[in-house]
PDB file of N, CA and C in Angstrom:
ATOM      1  N   UNK A   1      88.622 103.937  86.834  1.00  0.00           N
ATOM      2  CA  UNK A   1      87.405 103.744  87.577  1.00  0.00           C
ATOM      3  C   UNK A   1      87.646 104.190  89.017  1.00  0.00           C
ATOM      4  N   UNK A   2      86.740 104.951  89.549  1.00  0.00           N
ATOM      5  CA  UNK A   2      86.840 105.404  90.922  1.00  0.00           C
ATOM      6  C   UNK A   2      85.960 104.539  91.816  1.00  0.00           C
ATOM      7  N   UNK A   3      86.480 104.280  92.970  1.00  0.00           N
ATOM      8  CA  UNK A   3      85.731 103.511  93.942  1.00  0.00           C
ATOM      9  C   UNK A   3      85.546 104.362  95.183  1.00  0.00           C
ATOM     10  N   UNK A   4      84.362 104.374  95.679  1.00  0.00           N
ATOM     11  CA  UNK A   4      84.084 105.126  96.899  1.00  0.00           C
ATOM     12  C   UNK A   4      83.555 104.182  97.951  1.00  0.00           C
ATOM     13  N   UNK A   5      83.938 104.449  99.184  1.00  0.00           N
ATOM     14  CA  UNK A   5      83.446 103.640 100.293  1.00  0.00           C
ATOM     15  C   UNK A   5      82.197 104.295 100.852  1.00  0.00           C
ATOM     16  N   UNK A   6      81.245 103.490 101.116  1.00  0.00           N
ATOM     17  CA  UNK A   6      79.987 103.946 101.669  1.00  0.00           C
ATOM     18  C   UNK A   6      79.836 103.340 103.060  1.00  0.00           C
ATOM     19  N   UNK A   7      79.682 104.186 104.059  1.00  0.00           N
ATOM     20  CA  UNK A   7      79.515 103.686 105.422  1.00  0.00           C
ATOM     21  C   UNK A   7      78.041 103.393 105.649  1.00  0.00           C
ATOM     22  N   UNK A   8      77.782 102.159 106.012  1.00  0.00           N
ATOM     23  CA  UNK A   8      76.413 101.722 106.274  1.00  0.00           C
ATOM     24  C   UNK A   8      76.262 101.404 107.756  1.00  0.00           C
ATOM     25  N   UNK A   9      75.083 101.627 108.256  1.00  0.00           N
ATOM     26  CA  UNK A   9      74.806 101.269 109.632  1.00  0.00           C
ATOM     27  C   UNK A   9      74.703  99.750 109.741  1.00  0.00           C
ATOM     28  N   UNK A  10      74.999  99.266 110.918  1.00  0.00           N
ATOM     29  CA  UNK A  10      74.920  97.834 111.162  1.00  0.00           C
ATOM     30  C   UNK A  10      73.476  97.359 111.047  1.00  0.00           C
ATOM     31  N   UNK A  11      73.297  96.285 110.284  1.00  0.00           N
ATOM     32  CA  UNK A  11      72.005  95.623 110.230  1.00  0.00           C
ATOM     33  C   UNK A  11      72.246  94.124 110.263  1.00  0.00           C
ATOM     34  N   UNK A  12      71.268  93.402 110.715  1.00  0.00           N
ATOM     35  CA  UNK A  12      71.411  91.944 110.784  1.00  0.00           C
ATOM     36  C   UNK A  12      71.488  91.328 109.392  1.00  0.00           C
ATOM     37  N   UNK A  13      70.820  91.943 108.424  1.00  0.00           N
ATOM     38  CA  UNK A  13      70.845  91.421 107.061  1.00  0.00           C
ATOM     39  C   UNK A  13      72.256  91.510 106.470  1.00  0.00           C
ATOM     40  N   UNK A  14      72.940  92.640 106.710  1.00  0.00           N
ATOM     41  CA  UNK A  14      74.319  92.778 106.235  1.00  0.00           C
ATOM     42  C   UNK A  14      75.245  91.798 106.950  1.00  0.00           C
ATOM     43  N   UNK A  15      75.000  91.588 108.222  1.00  0.00           N
ATOM     44  CA  UNK A  15      75.792  90.624 108.981  1.00  0.00           C
ATOM     45  C   UNK A  15      75.602  89.214 108.412  1.00  0.00           C
ATOM     46  N   UNK A  16      74.378  88.879 108.045  1.00  0.00           N
ATOM     47  CA  UNK A  16      74.106  87.564 107.458  1.00  0.00           C
ATOM     48  C   UNK A  16      74.782  87.421 106.096  1.00  0.00           C
ATOM     49  N   UNK A  17      74.748  88.469 105.280  1.00  0.00           N
ATOM     50  CA  UNK A  17      75.436  88.441 103.981  1.00  0.00           C
ATOM     51  C   UNK A  17      76.936  88.259 104.162  1.00  0.00           C
ATOM     52  N   UNK A  18      77.479  88.973 105.138  1.00  0.00           N
ATOM     53  CA  UNK A  18      78.894  88.874 105.422  1.00  0.00           C
ATOM     54  C   UNK A  18      79.262  87.458 105.839  1.00  0.00           C
ATOM     55  N   UNK A  19      78.439  86.838 106.657  1.00  0.00           N
ATOM     56  CA  UNK A  19      78.689  85.459 107.086  1.00  0.00           C
ATOM     57  C   UNK A  19      78.606  84.489 105.905  1.00  0.00           C
ATOM     58  N   UNK A  20      77.685  84.744 104.980  1.00  0.00           N
ATOM     59  CA  UNK A  20      77.554  83.859 103.809  1.00  0.00           C
ATOM     60  C   UNK A  20      78.769  83.973 102.893  1.00  0.00           C
ATOM     61  N   UNK A  21      79.299  85.176 102.709  1.00  0.00           N
ATOM     62  CA  UNK A  21      80.501  85.308 101.876  1.00  0.00           C
ATOM     63  C   UNK A  21      81.697  84.656 102.553  1.00  0.00           C
ATOM     64  N   UNK A  22      81.761  84.739 103.888  1.00  0.00           N
ATOM     65  CA  UNK A  22      82.828  84.051 104.611  1.00  0.00           C
ATOM     66  C   UNK A  22      82.692  82.539 104.458  1.00  0.00           C
ATOM     67  N   UNK A  23      81.454  82.057 104.373  1.00  0.00           N
ATOM     68  CA  UNK A  23      81.216  80.634 104.150  1.00  0.00           C
ATOM     69  C   UNK A  23      81.732  80.200 102.773  1.00  0.00           C
ATOM     70  N   UNK A  24      81.537  81.060 101.774  1.00  0.00           N
ATOM     71  CA  UNK A  24      82.050  80.762 100.432  1.00  0.00           C
ATOM     72  C   UNK A  24      83.582  80.711 100.464  1.00  0.00           C
ATOM     73  N   UNK A  25      84.200  81.644 101.180  1.00  0.00           N
ATOM     74  CA  UNK A  25      85.666  81.666 101.302  1.00  0.00           C
ATOM     75  C   UNK A  25      86.149  80.364 101.938  1.00  0.00           C
ATOM     76  N   UNK A  26      85.495  79.940 103.013  1.00  0.00           N
ATOM     77  CA  UNK A  26      85.879  78.706 103.687  1.00  0.00           C
ATOM     78  C   UNK A  26      85.736  77.513 102.750  1.00  0.00           C
ATOM     79  N   UNK A  27      84.631  77.458 102.024  1.00  0.00           N
ATOM     80  CA  UNK A  27      84.443  76.337 101.103  1.00  0.00           C
ATOM     81  C   UNK A  27      85.476  76.373  99.977  1.00  0.00           C
ATOM     82  N   UNK A  28      85.903  77.572  99.572  1.00  0.00           N
ATOM     83  CA  UNK A  28      86.967  77.685  98.565  1.00  0.00           C
ATOM     84  C   UNK A  28      88.258  77.070  99.084  1.00  0.00           C
ATOM     85  N   UNK A  29      88.578  77.318 100.350  1.00  0.00           N
ATOM     86  CA  UNK A  29      89.767  76.710 100.953  1.00  0.00           C
ATOM     87  C   UNK A  29      89.678  75.188 100.928  1.00  0.00           C
ATOM     88  N   UNK A  30      88.521  74.674 101.310  1.00  0.00           N
ATOM     89  CA  UNK A  30      88.328  73.216 101.371  1.00  0.00           C
ATOM     90  C   UNK A  30      88.395  72.615  99.965  1.00  0.00           C
ATOM     91  N   UNK A  31      87.720  73.239  99.001  1.00  0.00           N
ATOM     92  CA  UNK A  31      87.716  72.702  97.636  1.00  0.00           C
ATOM     93  C   UNK A  31      89.100  72.760  96.999  1.00  0.00           C
ATOM     94  N   UNK A  32      89.884  73.780  97.303  1.00  0.00           N
ATOM     95  CA  UNK A  32      91.244  73.853  96.767  1.00  0.00           C
ATOM     96  C   UNK A  32      92.080  72.719  97.325  1.00  0.00           C
ATOM     97  N   UNK A  33      91.882  72.397  98.597  1.00  0.00           N
ATOM     98  CA  UNK A  33      92.601  71.277  99.198  1.00  0.00           C
ATOM     99  C   UNK A  33      92.189  69.954  98.541  1.00  0.00           C
ATOM    100  N   UNK A  34      90.906  69.784  98.254  1.00  0.00           N
ATOM    101  CA  UNK A  34      90.424  68.578  97.571  1.00  0.00           C
ATOM    102  C   UNK A  34      91.033  68.492  96.178  1.00  0.00           C
ATOM    103  N   UNK A  35      91.049  69.609  95.465  1.00  0.00           N
ATOM    104  CA  UNK A  35      91.626  69.651  94.112  1.00  0.00           C
ATOM    105  C   UNK A  35      93.108  69.287  94.161  1.00  0.00           C
ATOM    106  N   UNK A  36      93.845  69.882  95.104  1.00  0.00           N
ATOM    107  CA  UNK A  36      95.281  69.602  95.212  1.00  0.00           C
ATOM    108  C   UNK A  36      95.526  68.135  95.531  1.00  0.00           C
ATOM    109  N   UNK A  37      94.731  67.558  96.422  1.00  0.00           N
ATOM    110  CA  UNK A  37      94.902  66.150  96.765  1.00  0.00           C
ATOM    111  C   UNK A  37      94.649  65.265  95.546  1.00  0.00           C
ATOM    112  N   UNK A  38      93.624  65.589  94.781  1.00  0.00           N
ATOM    113  CA  UNK A  38      93.275  64.770  93.618  1.00  0.00           C
ATOM    114  C   UNK A  38      94.281  64.921  92.478  1.00  0.00           C
ATOM    115  N   UNK A  39      94.976  66.063  92.434  1.00  0.00           N
ATOM    116  CA  UNK A  39      95.891  66.317  91.322  1.00  0.00           C
ATOM    117  C   UNK A  39      97.355  66.386  91.752  1.00  0.00           C
ATOM    118  N   UNK A  40      97.671  65.885  92.910  1.00  0.00           N
ATOM    119  CA  UNK A  40      99.067  65.737  93.300  1.00  0.00           C
ATOM    120  C   UNK A  40      99.729  66.985  93.840  1.00  0.00           C
ATOM    121  N   UNK A  41      99.009  67.940  94.383  1.00  0.00           N
ATOM    122  CA  UNK A  41      99.559  69.142  95.010  1.00  0.00           C
ATOM    123  C   UNK A  41     100.479  69.934  94.090  1.00  0.00           C
ATOM    124  N   UNK A  42     100.142  69.982  92.819  1.00  0.00           N
ATOM    125  CA  UNK A  42     100.920  70.808  91.898  1.00  0.00           C
ATOM    126  C   UNK A  42     100.464  72.249  92.061  1.00  0.00           C
ATOM    127  N   UNK A  43     101.400  73.179  91.945  1.00  0.00           N
ATOM    128  CA  UNK A  43     101.037  74.589  92.028  1.00  0.00           C
ATOM    129  C   UNK A  43     101.546  75.295  90.785  1.00  0.00           C
ATOM    130  N   UNK A  44     100.928  76.392  90.462  1.00  0.00           N
ATOM    131  CA  UNK A  44     101.353  77.168  89.314  1.00  0.00           C
ATOM    132  C   UNK A  44     100.176  77.870  88.673  1.00  0.00           C
ATOM    133  N   UNK A  45     100.451  78.881  87.866  1.00  0.00           N
ATOM    134  CA  UNK A  45      99.418  79.686  87.239  1.00  0.00           C
ATOM    135  C   UNK A  45      98.545  78.903  86.277  1.00  0.00           C
ATOM    136  N   UNK A  46      99.132  77.974  85.508  1.00  0.00           N
ATOM    137  CA  UNK A  46      98.344  77.232  84.538  1.00  0.00           C
ATOM    138  C   UNK A  46      97.432  76.205  85.221  1.00  0.00           C
ATOM    139  N   UNK A  47      97.805  75.758  86.386  1.00  0.00           N
ATOM    140  CA  UNK A  47      97.030  74.738  87.082  1.00  0.00           C
ATOM    141  C   UNK A  47      95.770  75.344  87.707  1.00  0.00           C
ATOM    142  N   UNK A  48      95.810  76.627  88.065  1.00  0.00           N
ATOM    143  CA  UNK A  48      94.679  77.241  88.749  1.00  0.00           C
ATOM    144  C   UNK A  48      93.458  77.427  87.854  1.00  0.00           C
ATOM    145  N   UNK A  49      93.622  77.606  86.561  1.00  0.00           N
ATOM    146  CA  UNK A  49      92.480  77.869  85.678  1.00  0.00           C
ATOM    147  C   UNK A  49      91.461  76.718  85.688  1.00  0.00           C
ATOM    148  N   UNK A  50      91.866  75.470  85.484  1.00  0.00           N
ATOM    149  CA  UNK A  50      90.867  74.393  85.556  1.00  0.00           C
ATOM    150  C   UNK A  50      90.289  74.237  86.959  1.00  0.00           C
ATOM    151  N   UNK A  51      91.098  74.499  87.973  1.00  0.00           N
ATOM    152  CA  UNK A  51      90.614  74.415  89.351  1.00  0.00           C
ATOM    153  C   UNK A  51      89.537  75.470  89.597  1.00  0.00           C
ATOM    154  N   UNK A  52      89.724  76.680  89.065  1.00  0.00           N
ATOM    155  CA  UNK A  52      88.722  77.736  89.225  1.00  0.00           C
ATOM    156  C   UNK A  52      87.396  77.340  88.596  1.00  0.00           C
ATOM    157  N   UNK A  53      87.443  76.774  87.407  1.00  0.00           N
ATOM    158  CA  UNK A  53      86.206  76.358  86.734  1.00  0.00           C
ATOM    159  C   UNK A  53      85.501  75.245  87.498  1.00  0.00           C
ATOM    160  N   UNK A  54      86.275  74.270  87.938  1.00  0.00           N
ATOM    161  CA  UNK A  54      85.699  73.174  88.709  1.00  0.00           C
ATOM    162  C   UNK A  54      85.109  73.685  90.020  1.00  0.00           C
ATOM    163  N   UNK A  55      85.856  74.568  90.687  1.00  0.00           N
ATOM    164  CA  UNK A  55      85.409  75.100  91.961  1.00  0.00           C
ATOM    165  C   UNK A  55      84.138  75.923  91.799  1.00  0.00           C
ATOM    166  N   UNK A  56      84.039  76.660  90.714  1.00  0.00           N
ATOM    167  CA  UNK A  56      82.853  77.480  90.465  1.00  0.00           C
ATOM    168  C   UNK A  56      81.603  76.611  90.380  1.00  0.00           C
ATOM    169  N   UNK A  57      81.718  75.468  89.726  1.00  0.00           N
ATOM    170  CA  UNK A  57      80.577  74.550  89.618  1.00  0.00           C
ATOM    171  C   UNK A  57      80.210  73.948  90.967  1.00  0.00           C
ATOM    172  N   UNK A  58      81.218  73.639  91.774  1.00  0.00           N
ATOM    173  CA  UNK A  58      80.966  73.050  93.084  1.00  0.00           C
ATOM    174  C   UNK A  58      80.351  74.057  94.046  1.00  0.00           C
ATOM    175  N   UNK A  59      80.836  75.287  94.030  1.00  0.00           N
ATOM    176  CA  UNK A  59      80.331  76.314  94.941  1.00  0.00           C
ATOM    177  C   UNK A  59      78.891  76.689  94.634  1.00  0.00           C
ATOM    178  N   UNK A  60      78.535  76.720  93.365  1.00  0.00           N
ATOM    179  CA  UNK A  60      77.193  77.140  92.978  1.00  0.00           C
ATOM    180  C   UNK A  60      76.120  76.203  93.521  1.00  0.00           C
ATOM    181  N   UNK A  61      76.448  74.961  93.744  1.00  0.00           N
ATOM    182  CA  UNK A  61      75.462  73.985  94.207  1.00  0.00           C
ATOM    183  C   UNK A  61      75.079  74.177  95.666  1.00  0.00           C
ATOM    184  N   UNK A  62      75.988  74.663  96.471  1.00  0.00           N
ATOM    185  CA  UNK A  62      75.776  74.586  97.910  1.00  0.00           C
ATOM    186  C   UNK A  62      75.574  75.917  98.619  1.00  0.00           C
ATOM    187  N   UNK A  63      75.750  77.035  97.957  1.00  0.00           N
ATOM    188  CA  UNK A  63      75.707  78.328  98.638  1.00  0.00           C
ATOM    189  C   UNK A  63      74.407  79.078  98.368  1.00  0.00           C
ATOM    190  N   UNK A  64      73.906  79.823  99.350  1.00  0.00           N
ATOM    191  CA  UNK A  64      72.651  80.553  99.186  1.00  0.00           C
ATOM    192  C   UNK A  64      72.811  81.896  98.467  1.00  0.00           C
ATOM    193  N   UNK A  65      74.027  82.310  98.169  1.00  0.00           N
ATOM    194  CA  UNK A  65      74.266  83.594  97.514  1.00  0.00           C
ATOM    195  C   UNK A  65      74.002  83.530  96.017  1.00  0.00           C
ATOM    196  N   UNK A  66      73.898  84.687  95.407  1.00  0.00           N
ATOM    197  CA  UNK A  66      73.748  84.801  93.963  1.00  0.00           C
ATOM    198  C   UNK A  66      75.045  84.349  93.296  1.00  0.00           C
ATOM    199  N   UNK A  67      74.962  83.818  92.097  1.00  0.00           N
ATOM    200  CA  UNK A  67      76.128  83.228  91.441  1.00  0.00           C
ATOM    201  C   UNK A  67      77.251  84.237  91.217  1.00  0.00           C
ATOM    202  N   UNK A  68      76.926  85.494  90.882  1.00  0.00           N
ATOM    203  CA  UNK A  68      77.984  86.483  90.676  1.00  0.00           C
ATOM    204  C   UNK A  68      78.712  86.811  91.975  1.00  0.00           C
ATOM    205  N   UNK A  69      78.002  86.784  93.091  1.00  0.00           N
ATOM    206  CA  UNK A  69      78.639  87.031  94.391  1.00  0.00           C
ATOM    207  C   UNK A  69      79.601  85.895  94.725  1.00  0.00           C
ATOM    208  N   UNK A  70      79.183  84.684  94.441  1.00  0.00           N
ATOM    209  CA  UNK A  70      80.037  83.524  94.679  1.00  0.00           C
ATOM    210  C   UNK A  70      81.278  83.598  93.793  1.00  0.00           C
ATOM    211  N   UNK A  71      81.098  83.955  92.535  1.00  0.00           N
ATOM    212  CA  UNK A  71      82.233  84.064  91.616  1.00  0.00           C
ATOM    213  C   UNK A  71      83.217  85.135  92.063  1.00  0.00           C
ATOM    214  N   UNK A  72      82.720  86.235  92.610  1.00  0.00           N
ATOM    215  CA  UNK A  72      83.598  87.307  93.069  1.00  0.00           C
ATOM    216  C   UNK A  72      84.438  86.857  94.259  1.00  0.00           C
ATOM    217  N   UNK A  73      83.841  86.160  95.200  1.00  0.00           N
ATOM    218  CA  UNK A  73      84.603  85.662  96.348  1.00  0.00           C
ATOM    219  C   UNK A  73      85.655  84.665  95.872  1.00  0.00           C
ATOM    220  N   UNK A  74      85.267  83.763  94.966  1.00  0.00           N
ATOM    221  CA  UNK A  74      86.222  82.790  94.418  1.00  0.00           C
ATOM    222  C   UNK A  74      87.349  83.492  93.669  1.00  0.00           C
ATOM    223  N   UNK A  75      87.007  84.538  92.904  1.00  0.00           N
ATOM    224  CA  UNK A  75      88.018  85.292  92.158  1.00  0.00           C
ATOM    225  C   UNK A  75      89.008  85.952  93.116  1.00  0.00           C
ATOM    226  N   UNK A  76      88.509  86.508  94.223  1.00  0.00           N
ATOM    227  CA  UNK A  76      89.400  87.134  95.202  1.00  0.00           C
ATOM    228  C   UNK A  76      90.284  86.093  95.882  1.00  0.00           C
ATOM    229  N   UNK A  77      89.760  84.893  96.098  1.00  0.00           N
ATOM    230  CA  UNK A  77      90.570  83.828  96.694  1.00  0.00           C
ATOM    231  C   UNK A  77      91.764  83.513  95.787  1.00  0.00           C
ATOM    232  N   UNK A  78      91.518  83.325  94.495  1.00  0.00           N
ATOM    233  CA  UNK A  78      92.613  83.007  93.577  1.00  0.00           C
ATOM    234  C   UNK A  78      93.528  84.210  93.347  1.00  0.00           C
ATOM    235  N   UNK A  79      92.987  85.409  93.438  1.00  0.00           N
ATOM    236  CA  UNK A  79      93.827  86.613  93.334  1.00  0.00           C
ATOM    237  C   UNK A  79      94.790  86.663  94.525  1.00  0.00           C
ATOM    238  N   UNK A  80      94.310  86.310  95.711  1.00  0.00           N
ATOM    239  CA  UNK A  80      95.183  86.251  96.883  1.00  0.00           C
ATOM    240  C   UNK A  80      96.260  85.192  96.727  1.00  0.00           C
ATOM    241  N   UNK A  81      95.898  84.042  96.140  1.00  0.00           N
ATOM    242  CA  UNK A  81      96.898  82.989  95.902  1.00  0.00           C
ATOM    243  C   UNK A  81      97.982  83.458  94.943  1.00  0.00           C
ATOM    244  N   UNK A  82      97.571  84.160  93.867  1.00  0.00           N
ATOM    245  CA  UNK A  82      98.551  84.664  92.895  1.00  0.00           C
ATOM    246  C   UNK A  82      99.456  85.715  93.526  1.00  0.00           C
ATOM    247  N   UNK A  83      98.875  86.569  94.375  1.00  0.00           N
ATOM    248  CA  UNK A  83      99.674  87.570  95.078  1.00  0.00           C
ATOM    249  C   UNK A  83     100.687  86.937  96.013  1.00  0.00           C
ATOM    250  N   UNK A  84     100.280  85.854  96.671  1.00  0.00           N
ATOM    251  CA  UNK A  84     101.185  85.115  97.555  1.00  0.00           C
ATOM    252  C   UNK A  84     102.369  84.558  96.771  1.00  0.00           C
ATOM    253  N   UNK A  85     102.067  83.925  95.619  1.00  0.00           N
ATOM    254  CA  UNK A  85     103.153  83.353  94.813  1.00  0.00           C
ATOM    255  C   UNK A  85     104.101  84.433  94.309  1.00  0.00           C
ATOM    256  N   UNK A  86     103.548  85.584  93.935  1.00  0.00           N
ATOM    257  CA  UNK A  86     104.376  86.683  93.450  1.00  0.00           C
ATOM    258  C   UNK A  86     105.300  87.209  94.551  1.00  0.00           C
ATOM    259  N   UNK A  87     104.762  87.350  95.760  1.00  0.00           N
ATOM    260  CA  UNK A  87     105.582  87.808  96.878  1.00  0.00           C
ATOM    261  C   UNK A  87     106.680  86.804  97.198  1.00  0.00           C
ATOM    262  N   UNK A  88     106.340  85.523  97.189  1.00  0.00           N
ATOM    263  CA  UNK A  88     107.348  84.501  97.462  1.00  0.00           C
ATOM    264  C   UNK A  88     108.446  84.500  96.401  1.00  0.00           C
ATOM    265  N   UNK A  89     108.033  84.710  95.148  1.00  0.00           N
ATOM    266  CA  UNK A  89     109.004  84.742  94.048  1.00  0.00           C
ATOM    267  C   UNK A  89     109.967  85.911  94.208  1.00  0.00           C
ATOM    268  N   UNK A  90     109.463  87.025  94.774  1.00  0.00           N
ATOM    269  CA  UNK A  90     110.288  88.212  94.983  1.00  0.00           C
ATOM    270  C   UNK A  90     111.079  88.157  96.281  1.00  0.00           C
ATOM    271  N   UNK A  91     111.006  87.058  97.007  1.00  0.00           N
ATOM    272  CA  UNK A  91     111.853  86.861  98.172  1.00  0.00           C
ATOM    273  C   UNK A  91     111.220  87.151  99.515  1.00  0.00           C
ATOM    274  N   UNK A  92     109.937  87.371  99.581  1.00  0.00           N
ATOM    275  CA  UNK A  92     109.272  87.616 100.858  1.00  0.00           C
ATOM    276  C   UNK A  92     108.992  86.276 101.536  1.00  0.00           C
ATOM    277  N   UNK A  93     109.827  85.934 102.513  1.00  0.00           N
ATOM    278  CA  UNK A  93     109.704  84.640 103.188  1.00  0.00           C
ATOM    279  C   UNK A  93     108.522  84.597 104.157  1.00  0.00           C
ATOM    280  N   UNK A  94     107.992  85.744 104.566  1.00  0.00           N
ATOM    281  CA  UNK A  94     106.887  85.779 105.517  1.00  0.00           C
ATOM    282  C   UNK A  94     105.524  85.664 104.850  1.00  0.00           C
ATOM    283  N   UNK A  95     105.469  85.727 103.528  1.00  0.00           N
ATOM    284  CA  UNK A  95     104.195  85.645 102.806  1.00  0.00           C
ATOM    285  C   UNK A  95     103.599  84.251 102.982  1.00  0.00           C
ATOM    286  N   UNK A  96     102.286  84.231 103.254  1.00  0.00           N
ATOM    287  CA  UNK A  96     101.593  82.958 103.439  1.00  0.00           C
ATOM    288  C   UNK A  96     100.415  82.867 102.479  1.00  0.00           C
ATOM    289  N   UNK A  97     100.151  81.658 102.031  1.00  0.00           N
ATOM    290  CA  UNK A  97      98.990  81.425 101.160  1.00  0.00           C
ATOM    291  C   UNK A  97      97.712  81.613 101.977  1.00  0.00           C
ATOM    292  N   UNK A  98      96.587  81.942 101.309  1.00  0.00           N
ATOM    293  CA  UNK A  98      95.339  82.064 102.062  1.00  0.00           C
ATOM    294  C   UNK A  98      94.988  80.731 102.714  1.00  0.00           C
ATOM    295  N   UNK A  99      94.870  80.746 104.019  1.00  0.00           N
ATOM    296  CA  UNK A  99      94.611  79.496 104.723  1.00  0.00           C
ATOM    297  C   UNK A  99      93.601  79.641 105.846  1.00  0.00           C
ATOM    298  N   UNK A 100      93.297  80.842 106.264  1.00  0.00           N
ATOM    299  CA  UNK A 100      92.404  81.039 107.401  1.00  0.00           C
ATOM    300  C   UNK A 100      90.958  81.152 106.968  1.00  0.00           C
ATOM    301  N   UNK A 101      90.088  80.671 107.832  1.00  0.00           N
ATOM    302  CA  UNK A 101      88.665  80.922 107.638  1.00  0.00           C
ATOM    303  C   UNK A 101      88.412  82.393 107.946  1.00  0.00           C
ATOM    304  N   UNK A 102      87.519  82.998 107.218  1.00  0.00           N
ATOM    305  CA  UNK A 102      87.178  84.393 107.464  1.00  0.00           C
ATOM    306  C   UNK A 102      85.844  84.455 108.180  1.00  0.00           C
ATOM    307  N   UNK A 103      85.771  85.351 109.146  1.00  0.00           N
ATOM    308  CA  UNK A 103      84.509  85.596 109.823  1.00  0.00           C
ATOM    309  C   UNK A 103      83.755  86.725 109.138  1.00  0.00           C
ATOM    310  N   UNK A 104      84.471  87.483 108.309  1.00  0.00           N
ATOM    311  CA  UNK A 104      83.853  88.568 107.554  1.00  0.00           C
ATOM    312  C   UNK A 104      84.649  88.766 106.279  1.00  0.00           C
ATOM    313  N   UNK A 105      84.075  89.481 105.339  1.00  0.00           N
ATOM    314  CA  UNK A 105      84.733  89.806 104.083  1.00  0.00           C
ATOM    315  C   UNK A 105      84.903  91.308 103.999  1.00  0.00           C
ATOM    316  N   UNK A 106      86.029  91.745 103.494  1.00  0.00           N
ATOM    317  CA  UNK A 106      86.252  93.169 103.282  1.00  0.00           C
ATOM    318  C   UNK A 106      85.402  93.626 102.101  1.00  0.00           C
ATOM    319  N   UNK A 107      85.295  94.922 101.936  1.00  0.00           N
ATOM    320  CA  UNK A 107      84.484  95.440 100.844  1.00  0.00           C
ATOM    321  C   UNK A 107      85.044  94.995  99.498  1.00  0.00           C
ATOM    322  N   UNK A 108      84.188  94.822  98.556  1.00  0.00           N
ATOM    323  CA  UNK A 108      84.550  94.332  97.231  1.00  0.00           C
ATOM    324  C   UNK A 108      84.634  95.506  96.288  1.00  0.00           C
ATOM    325  N   UNK A 109      85.749  95.599  95.563  1.00  0.00           N
ATOM    326  CA  UNK A 109      85.848  96.637  94.542  1.00  0.00           C
ATOM    327  C   UNK A 109      86.056  95.959  93.181  1.00  0.00           C
ATOM    328  N   UNK A 110      85.389  96.433  92.133  1.00  0.00           N
ATOM    329  CA  UNK A 110      85.485  95.765  90.830  1.00  0.00           C
ATOM    330  C   UNK A 110      86.829  95.868  90.181  1.00  0.00           C
TER     331      UNK A 110
END
């Protein structure tokens, strides 16, 4: 599959969409912390699957975006977490888990 970048002019509507996706990212951070607190801060690949399903239900209630957009942001959040664990496993001591709030989201590729 080929992906092409399309340069768009700045519009307030795109800025608002970008802010809403950043809001979903922030809520994903908060919900992951709630999940970890409730389940004893266990980490691992098998633990993330139920957390993703639970988080998907929680995010859908509170965000103004379409459900597929919310799912994509959540999917990228967990993809970043898996990448972090993989880097740490390979010895990269500087790798950090996703922890920052985002003011914008990078382009999404399928």
